[in-house]
Every structure is written in structure tokens, then in C-alpha cells.
Amino acid sequence: MKKYAGRAAVARALCVAAFALTAACTPLQVVTHSVSQTEASVPVGQYTLDPHHWSILFDVDHLKYSRFTMRFDRATAQLDWNAGGMDKSAVAVTIDANSVDTNVPLLDKMVKSESMFDVQQYPQIRFVSTGFERTGSSTGKLTGNLTIHGSTQPVTLNVTFNGYGPDPLTKEDTLGFAAEGSFSRAKFGLATWYPAVGDDVHVRIQAEFVRPEAGS
């Protein structure tokens, strides 16, 4: 019995030590908060893309084996949130074409070259919204003009308003969105490597927009 009691004491001591070590290494306490999908609760004003919480991904068919994904590492955006919510608001996005990242250095160079984006001549990819059609209480179809490689074409994104609430850490008004859609790259003069690389480009976006706390 003494042997088992001794083992239990050692186990408890190890648990206490592990808890103390974990607590000492945790820089922030766990925070909880809630967000609202009630658009009328969102303060009217100009919001900018949170530089740390967004992703823009393109994926295309690769030889029918898979859909190859590339991301962009630099982008800015402004959201003009007006009374009436998504129906009355507008967004403009600028992507640094030179920031495209395929996770393959040689392919990065090929995509940035004159064969594809030609980032020296066309350094930016732009999207400017032109309209919104509601499909649900927090969803809708956002139409806009997409400019790539010097060509501008209309595209439609399926958008979900994830919610609004003051960020519990920064106290800034914060809105979250998800969006996805697709476009034909050939319409932008980007038919290179077809059909090995598919024509249909699928777009996936996650984005948080912030407005500084009043008085900051």
C-alpha cells in the first residue's frame, strides 16, 4: 500500500508542476466574447482590412489530379459600412500581385513573369464592388469589377457576414466576412498553360475589418 501511495503522491506532484509551468508560460488569459450578425448593430463608418487576420486564396485544376492553391501575402482593403448593412455598403480591395506565393519558388517566378501576371507591368489586382443581392439574413451575392493583368471583368462572390463585435483585446470595432467565387482566367488574357492548368479559378477569402476605438 505504501508503494502505491508513494506513486500517487509523485503523480500529483508532477501534475501540480505541469500546471504551474503551463500557467507561467501562458501570455494571455483565455478571453471569451460574442459577435452579432445583426447588421443594424454595426456602427456606420469606414473600416480597413485587419493586416493580421485575412487570407486570399486562388486555386486551379492541375492536370485533373488536384486543385493547386496559391495565396497572396499582401493586400489592403477599405469597407464603407452604411446604414442598411451589406445592401448599402461598398468595398474596395487591392492585392499586391508580386506577393503571390505558390510554395514553390520556381513556380512563383513563372506566375509573376510575363507568361502570367506580368507583375512588372501590372503590379496590382483590384476588386471594387458594384452591387449586392441578398440571399439570406447574413448572406448575399456581391458583384464587382475585378482587374487582373490590365483587364477588368465583372465577377460575383458569395459572401457571408460572420458577425460584428468589439475585439476583446484591441477594443476596436471588428467585422468578419467569408467569401468565395470563381472566374475564367482566359477572360483576363491569362490562358497560359491551358489545359494542363485549368481555366476556372476558385477564390476563397476570409477577412476581418476594423475601425479604431473612438478617441484612439
C-alpha atoms as a PDB file:
ATOM      1  CA  MET A   1       0.000   0.000   0.000  1.00  0.00           C
ATOM      2  CA  LYS A   2       2.835   2.386   0.849  1.00  0.00           C
ATOM      3  CA  LYS A   3       4.315   1.785  -2.583  1.00  0.00           C
ATOM      4  CA  TYR A   4       1.063   2.770  -4.354  1.00  0.00           C
ATOM      5  CA  ALA A   5       0.542   5.761  -2.067  1.00  0.00           C
ATOM      6  CA  GLY A   6       4.025   6.922  -2.945  1.00  0.00           C
ATOM      7  CA  ARG A   7       3.290   6.642  -6.665  1.00  0.00           C
ATOM      8  CA  ALA A   8       0.092   8.647  -6.282  1.00  0.00           C
ATOM      9  CA  ALA A   9       1.956  11.390  -4.425  1.00  0.00           C
ATOM     10  CA  VAL A  10       4.538  11.572  -7.189  1.00  0.00           C
ATOM     11  CA  ALA A  11       1.809  11.747  -9.842  1.00  0.00           C
ATOM     12  CA  ARG A  12       0.058  14.583  -8.022  1.00  0.00           C
ATOM     13  CA  ALA A  13       3.338  16.447  -7.685  1.00  0.00           C
ATOM     14  CA  LEU A  14       4.010  16.099 -11.406  1.00  0.00           C
ATOM     15  CA  CYS A  15       0.516  17.384 -12.229  1.00  0.00           C
ATOM     16  CA  VAL A  16       0.980  20.416  -9.998  1.00  0.00           C
ATOM     17  CA  ALA A  17       4.375  21.149 -11.545  1.00  0.00           C
ATOM     18  CA  ALA A  18       2.990  20.792 -15.076  1.00  0.00           C
ATOM     19  CA  PHE A  19       0.078  23.136 -14.283  1.00  0.00           C
ATOM     20  CA  ALA A  20       2.390  25.722 -12.763  1.00  0.00           C
ATOM     21  CA  LEU A  21       4.705  25.576 -15.763  1.00  0.00           C
ATOM     22  CA  THR A  22       1.802  25.933 -18.203  1.00  0.00           C
ATOM     23  CA  ALA A  23       0.369  28.881 -16.307  1.00  0.00           C
ATOM     24  CA  ALA A  24       3.754  30.580 -16.193  1.00  0.00           C
ATOM     25  CA  CYS A  25       4.200  30.207 -19.952  1.00  0.00           C
ATOM     26  CA  THR A  26       0.700  31.428 -20.931  1.00  0.00           C
ATOM     27  CA  PRO A  27       0.988  35.084 -22.040  1.00  0.00           C
ATOM     28  CA  LEU A  28      -2.753  35.794 -22.112  1.00  0.00           C
ATOM     29  CA  GLN A  29      -5.718  34.651 -20.137  1.00  0.00           C
ATOM     30  CA  VAL A  30      -8.445  32.939 -22.111  1.00  0.00           C
ATOM     31  CA  VAL A  31     -10.925  35.539 -23.342  1.00  0.00           C
ATOM     32  CA  THR A  32     -14.490  34.972 -24.400  1.00  0.00           C
ATOM     33  CA  HIS A  33     -16.844  37.275 -26.232  1.00  0.00           C
ATOM     34  CA  SER A  34     -19.768  37.153 -28.617  1.00  0.00           C
ATOM     35  CA  VAL A  35     -20.417  38.570 -32.068  1.00  0.00           C
ATOM     36  CA  SER A  36     -23.705  39.588 -33.617  1.00  0.00           C
ATOM     37  CA  GLN A  37     -24.947  39.031 -37.157  1.00  0.00           C
ATOM     38  CA  THR A  38     -27.454  41.850 -36.689  1.00  0.00           C
ATOM     39  CA  GLU A  39     -26.222  44.313 -39.292  1.00  0.00           C
ATOM     40  CA  ALA A  40     -28.172  47.204 -37.797  1.00  0.00           C
ATOM     41  CA  SER A  41     -25.951  46.978 -34.697  1.00  0.00           C
ATOM     42  CA  VAL A  42     -22.772  47.744 -36.682  1.00  0.00           C
ATOM     43  CA  PRO A  43     -21.589  51.367 -36.322  1.00  0.00           C
ATOM     44  CA  VAL A  44     -21.628  53.249 -39.618  1.00  0.00           C
ATOM     45  CA  GLY A  45     -18.215  54.322 -40.891  1.00  0.00           C
ATOM     46  CA  GLN A  46     -15.044  53.352 -42.725  1.00  0.00           C
ATOM     47  CA  TYR A  47     -13.315  50.106 -41.826  1.00  0.00           C
ATOM     48  CA  THR A  48      -9.952  48.846 -43.039  1.00  0.00           C
ATOM     49  CA  LEU A  49      -8.641  45.322 -43.506  1.00  0.00           C
ATOM     50  CA  ASP A  50      -7.038  43.999 -40.335  1.00  0.00           C
ATOM     51  CA  PRO A  51      -3.446  43.418 -41.514  1.00  0.00           C
ATOM     52  CA  HIS A  52      -3.093  40.284 -39.376  1.00  0.00           C
ATOM     53  CA  HIS A  53      -6.382  38.478 -39.930  1.00  0.00           C
ATOM     54  CA  TRP A  54      -7.187  37.784 -43.564  1.00  0.00           C
ATOM     55  CA  SER A  55      -6.458  35.320 -46.349  1.00  0.00           C
ATOM     56  CA  ILE A  56      -6.970  35.401 -50.113  1.00  0.00           C
ATOM     57  CA  LEU A  57      -6.533  32.089 -51.933  1.00  0.00           C
ATOM     58  CA  PHE A  58      -6.795  31.155 -55.612  1.00  0.00           C
ATOM     59  CA  ASP A  59      -6.944  27.517 -56.694  1.00  0.00           C
ATOM     60  CA  VAL A  60      -6.955  25.977 -60.170  1.00  0.00           C
ATOM     61  CA  ASP A  61      -7.168  22.500 -61.629  1.00  0.00           C
ATOM     62  CA  HIS A  62      -3.788  20.802 -62.080  1.00  0.00           C
ATOM     63  CA  LEU A  63      -3.791  18.023 -64.687  1.00  0.00           C
ATOM     64  CA  LYS A  64      -7.085  16.720 -63.238  1.00  0.00           C
ATOM     65  CA  TYR A  65      -5.136  15.403 -60.227  1.00  0.00           C
ATOM     66  CA  SER A  66      -5.928  18.170 -57.743  1.00  0.00           C
ATOM     67  CA  ARG A  67      -6.659  21.844 -57.375  1.00  0.00           C
ATOM     68  CA  PHE A  68      -3.408  23.707 -56.884  1.00  0.00           C
ATOM     69  CA  THR A  69      -3.606  26.537 -54.350  1.00  0.00           C
ATOM     70  CA  MET A  70      -1.749  29.839 -54.280  1.00  0.00           C
ATOM     71  CA  ARG A  71      -2.090  32.634 -51.766  1.00  0.00           C
ATOM     72  CA  PHE A  72      -1.347  36.335 -51.668  1.00  0.00           C
ATOM     73  CA  ASP A  73       0.704  37.729 -48.791  1.00  0.00           C
ATOM     74  CA  ARG A  74      -0.002  41.460 -49.147  1.00  0.00           C
ATOM     75  CA  ALA A  75      -3.329  43.216 -49.574  1.00  0.00           C
ATOM     76  CA  THR A  76      -5.242  46.262 -48.389  1.00  0.00           C
ATOM     77  CA  ALA A  77      -8.971  46.945 -48.380  1.00  0.00           C
ATOM     78  CA  GLN A  78     -11.488  49.546 -47.304  1.00  0.00           C
ATOM     79  CA  LEU A  79     -15.071  48.843 -46.321  1.00  0.00           C
ATOM     80  CA  ASP A  80     -17.564  51.697 -46.293  1.00  0.00           C
ATOM     81  CA  TRP A  81     -20.290  50.430 -43.971  1.00  0.00           C
ATOM     82  CA  ASN A  82     -23.504  52.385 -44.389  1.00  0.00           C
ATOM     83  CA  ALA A  83     -26.953  52.350 -42.802  1.00  0.00           C
ATOM     84  CA  GLY A  84     -28.762  49.435 -44.426  1.00  0.00           C
ATOM     85  CA  GLY A  85     -25.926  46.974 -43.894  1.00  0.00           C
ATOM     86  CA  MET A  86     -24.462  44.903 -46.692  1.00  0.00           C
ATOM     87  CA  ASP A  87     -27.146  46.048 -49.131  1.00  0.00           C
ATOM     88  CA  LYS A  88     -25.926  49.659 -48.951  1.00  0.00           C
ATOM     89  CA  SER A  89     -22.211  49.206 -48.232  1.00  0.00           C
ATOM     90  CA  ALA A  90     -19.188  49.031 -50.539  1.00  0.00           C
ATOM     91  CA  VAL A  91     -15.722  47.517 -50.509  1.00  0.00           C
ATOM     92  CA  ALA A  92     -12.529  48.063 -52.488  1.00  0.00           C
ATOM     93  CA  VAL A  93      -9.583  45.652 -52.364  1.00  0.00           C
ATOM     94  CA  THR A  94      -6.037  45.988 -53.674  1.00  0.00           C
ATOM     95  CA  ILE A  95      -3.781  42.916 -53.857  1.00  0.00           C
ATOM     96  CA  ASP A  96      -0.044  43.107 -54.441  1.00  0.00           C
ATOM     97  CA  ALA A  97       0.367  40.734 -57.399  1.00  0.00           C
ATOM     98  CA  ASN A  98       4.058  40.345 -56.606  1.00  0.00           C
ATOM     99  CA  SER A  99       3.120  38.785 -53.256  1.00  0.00           C
ATOM    100  CA  VAL A 100       1.684  35.634 -54.851  1.00  0.00           C
ATOM    101  CA  ASP A 101       3.002  32.553 -53.061  1.00  0.00           C
ATOM    102  CA  THR A 102       2.635  29.053 -54.527  1.00  0.00           C
ATOM    103  CA  ASN A 103       5.035  27.480 -52.001  1.00  0.00           C
ATOM    104  CA  VAL A 104       7.262  26.599 -54.980  1.00  0.00           C
ATOM    105  CA  PRO A 105       9.916  29.308 -55.601  1.00  0.00           C
ATOM    106  CA  LEU A 106      10.424  28.417 -59.274  1.00  0.00           C
ATOM    107  CA  LEU A 107       6.684  28.451 -59.910  1.00  0.00           C
ATOM    108  CA  ASP A 108       6.400  31.807 -58.118  1.00  0.00           C
ATOM    109  CA  LYS A 109       8.767  33.275 -60.689  1.00  0.00           C
ATOM    110  CA  MET A 110       6.763  31.757 -63.547  1.00  0.00           C
ATOM    111  CA  VAL A 111       3.439  33.076 -62.250  1.00  0.00           C
ATOM    112  CA  LYS A 112       4.908  36.559 -61.735  1.00  0.00           C
ATOM    113  CA  SER A 113       6.526  36.596 -65.179  1.00  0.00           C
ATOM    114  CA  GLU A 114       5.157  37.905 -68.474  1.00  0.00           C
ATOM    115  CA  SER A 115       3.688  34.430 -69.036  1.00  0.00           C
ATOM    116  CA  MET A 116       1.050  35.041 -66.385  1.00  0.00           C
ATOM    117  CA  PHE A 117       0.533  38.044 -64.065  1.00  0.00           C
ATOM    118  CA  ASP A 118       3.395  40.133 -65.504  1.00  0.00           C
ATOM    119  CA  VAL A 119       3.789  41.921 -62.170  1.00  0.00           C
ATOM    120  CA  GLN A 120       6.311  44.401 -63.545  1.00  0.00           C
ATOM    121  CA  GLN A 121       3.696  45.918 -65.832  1.00  0.00           C
ATOM    122  CA  TYR A 122       0.604  45.075 -63.759  1.00  0.00           C
ATOM    123  CA  PRO A 123       1.627  45.206 -60.087  1.00  0.00           C
ATOM    124  CA  GLN A 124      -1.885  45.254 -58.637  1.00  0.00           C
ATOM    125  CA  ILE A 125      -5.009  43.108 -58.653  1.00  0.00           C
ATOM    126  CA  ARG A 126      -8.105  45.168 -57.826  1.00  0.00           C
ATOM    127  CA  PHE A 127     -11.682  44.439 -56.853  1.00  0.00           C
ATOM    128  CA  VAL A 128     -14.288  47.199 -56.495  1.00  0.00           C
ATOM    129  CA  SER A 129     -17.831  46.264 -55.535  1.00  0.00           C
ATOM    130  CA  THR A 130     -20.750  47.464 -57.652  1.00  0.00           C
ATOM    131  CA  GLY A 131     -23.795  45.807 -56.106  1.00  0.00           C
ATOM    132  CA  PHE A 132     -25.206  43.328 -53.602  1.00  0.00           C
ATOM    133  CA  GLU A 133     -28.108  40.877 -53.812  1.00  0.00           C
ATOM    134  CA  ARG A 134     -29.262  39.402 -50.524  1.00  0.00           C
ATOM    135  CA  THR A 135     -29.809  35.642 -50.360  1.00  0.00           C
ATOM    136  CA  GLY A 136     -30.329  35.230 -46.603  1.00  0.00           C
ATOM    137  CA  SER A 137     -30.288  37.061 -43.295  1.00  0.00           C
ATOM    138  CA  SER A 138     -26.479  37.209 -43.314  1.00  0.00           C
ATOM    139  CA  THR A 139     -25.575  36.095 -46.853  1.00  0.00           C
ATOM    140  CA  GLY A 140     -25.654  37.521 -50.340  1.00  0.00           C
ATOM    141  CA  LYS A 141     -24.060  37.813 -53.754  1.00  0.00           C
ATOM    142  CA  LEU A 142     -21.536  40.638 -54.043  1.00  0.00           C
ATOM    143  CA  THR A 143     -20.857  41.778 -57.598  1.00  0.00           C
ATOM    144  CA  GLY A 144     -17.897  43.874 -58.570  1.00  0.00           C
ATOM    145  CA  ASN A 145     -15.224  44.680 -61.134  1.00  0.00           C
ATOM    146  CA  LEU A 146     -12.081  42.572 -60.903  1.00  0.00           C
ATOM    147  CA  THR A 147      -8.940  43.877 -62.607  1.00  0.00           C
ATOM    148  CA  ILE A 148      -6.095  41.470 -63.354  1.00  0.00           C
ATOM    149  CA  HIS A 149      -3.336  41.830 -65.940  1.00  0.00           C
ATOM    150  CA  GLY A 150      -4.792  45.149 -67.087  1.00  0.00           C
ATOM    151  CA  SER A 151      -8.183  43.651 -67.918  1.00  0.00           C
ATOM    152  CA  THR A 152     -11.377  44.389 -65.961  1.00  0.00           C
ATOM    153  CA  GLN A 153     -14.250  41.908 -65.833  1.00  0.00           C
ATOM    154  CA  PRO A 154     -17.357  41.544 -63.630  1.00  0.00           C
ATOM    155  CA  VAL A 155     -17.292  38.771 -61.015  1.00  0.00           C
ATOM    156  CA  THR A 156     -19.675  37.612 -58.298  1.00  0.00           C
ATOM    157  CA  LEU A 157     -18.729  36.437 -54.812  1.00  0.00           C
ATOM    158  CA  ASN A 158     -20.936  34.573 -52.365  1.00  0.00           C
ATOM    159  CA  VAL A 159     -20.500  36.474 -49.113  1.00  0.00           C
ATOM    160  CA  THR A 160     -21.323  35.559 -45.521  1.00  0.00           C
ATOM    161  CA  PHE A 161     -21.334  38.164 -42.763  1.00  0.00           C
ATOM    162  CA  ASN A 162     -19.786  36.247 -39.855  1.00  0.00           C
ATOM    163  CA  GLY A 163     -20.568  38.934 -37.312  1.00  0.00           C
ATOM    164  CA  TYR A 164     -19.678  42.134 -35.518  1.00  0.00           C
ATOM    165  CA  GLY A 165     -18.352  42.936 -32.054  1.00  0.00           C
ATOM    166  CA  PRO A 166     -15.653  44.949 -30.290  1.00  0.00           C
ATOM    167  CA  ASP A 167     -12.420  42.956 -30.305  1.00  0.00           C
ATOM    168  CA  PRO A 168     -11.861  41.806 -26.697  1.00  0.00           C
ATOM    169  CA  LEU A 169      -8.132  42.561 -26.901  1.00  0.00           C
ATOM    170  CA  THR A 170      -7.866  45.712 -29.035  1.00  0.00           C
ATOM    171  CA  LYS A 171     -11.347  47.127 -28.243  1.00  0.00           C
ATOM    172  CA  GLU A 172     -11.678  48.042 -31.937  1.00  0.00           C
ATOM    173  CA  ASP A 173     -14.997  47.598 -33.733  1.00  0.00           C
ATOM    174  CA  THR A 174     -14.446  44.450 -35.805  1.00  0.00           C
ATOM    175  CA  LEU A 175     -16.428  42.793 -38.595  1.00  0.00           C
ATOM    176  CA  GLY A 176     -15.781  39.346 -40.055  1.00  0.00           C
ATOM    177  CA  PHE A 177     -16.631  38.028 -43.523  1.00  0.00           C
ATOM    178  CA  ALA A 178     -16.152  34.924 -45.644  1.00  0.00           C
ATOM    179  CA  ALA A 179     -16.455  34.962 -49.435  1.00  0.00           C
ATOM    180  CA  GLU A 180     -15.924  32.649 -52.354  1.00  0.00           C
ATOM    181  CA  GLY A 181     -16.478  32.633 -56.080  1.00  0.00           C
ATOM    182  CA  SER A 182     -14.819  31.836 -59.380  1.00  0.00           C
ATOM    183  CA  PHE A 183     -13.769  33.411 -62.660  1.00  0.00           C
ATOM    184  CA  SER A 184     -12.356  32.417 -66.041  1.00  0.00           C
ATOM    185  CA  ARG A 185      -8.700  33.385 -66.244  1.00  0.00           C
ATOM    186  CA  ALA A 186      -8.866  33.344 -70.052  1.00  0.00           C
ATOM    187  CA  LYS A 187     -11.173  36.379 -69.898  1.00  0.00           C
ATOM    188  CA  PHE A 188      -8.278  38.289 -68.345  1.00  0.00           C
ATOM    189  CA  GLY A 189      -5.835  37.214 -71.054  1.00  0.00           C
ATOM    190  CA  LEU A 190      -4.319  34.523 -68.819  1.00  0.00           C
ATOM    191  CA  ALA A 191      -4.739  31.359 -70.881  1.00  0.00           C
ATOM    192  CA  THR A 192      -1.109  30.262 -70.421  1.00  0.00           C
ATOM    193  CA  TRP A 193      -0.522  26.521 -69.759  1.00  0.00           C
ATOM    194  CA  TYR A 194      -4.112  25.537 -70.587  1.00  0.00           C
ATOM    195  CA  PRO A 195      -5.334  22.765 -70.431  1.00  0.00           C
ATOM    196  CA  ALA A 196      -2.646  21.441 -68.077  1.00  0.00           C
ATOM    197  CA  VAL A 197      -3.732  24.253 -65.767  1.00  0.00           C
ATOM    198  CA  GLY A 198      -7.499  24.744 -65.705  1.00  0.00           C
ATOM    199  CA  ASP A 199      -9.317  27.898 -66.765  1.00  0.00           C
ATOM    200  CA  ASP A 200     -11.679  28.134 -63.782  1.00  0.00           C
ATOM    201  CA  VAL A 201     -10.074  29.948 -60.844  1.00  0.00           C
ATOM    202  CA  HIS A 202     -11.741  29.414 -57.483  1.00  0.00           C
ATOM    203  CA  VAL A 203     -11.409  32.270 -54.977  1.00  0.00           C
ATOM    204  CA  ARG A 204     -11.651  31.848 -51.189  1.00  0.00           C
ATOM    205  CA  ILE A 205     -11.492  34.804 -48.813  1.00  0.00           C
ATOM    206  CA  GLN A 206     -11.548  35.258 -45.050  1.00  0.00           C
ATOM    207  CA  ALA A 207     -11.337  38.826 -43.790  1.00  0.00           C
ATOM    208  CA  GLU A 208     -11.673  40.935 -40.680  1.00  0.00           C
ATOM    209  CA  PHE A 209     -12.252  44.679 -40.945  1.00  0.00           C
ATOM    210  CA  VAL A 210     -11.540  47.029 -38.088  1.00  0.00           C
ATOM    211  CA  ARG A 211     -12.310  50.591 -37.042  1.00  0.00           C
ATOM    212  CA  PRO A 212     -10.134  52.181 -34.333  1.00  0.00           C
ATOM    213  CA  GLU A 213     -11.749  52.793 -30.980  1.00  0.00           C
ATOM    214  CA  ALA A 214     -13.182  56.295 -30.711  1.00  0.00           C
ATOM    215  CA  GLY A 215     -10.575  58.702 -29.385  1.00  0.00           C
ATOM    216  CA  SER A 216      -7.595  56.436 -30.098  1.00  0.00           C
END
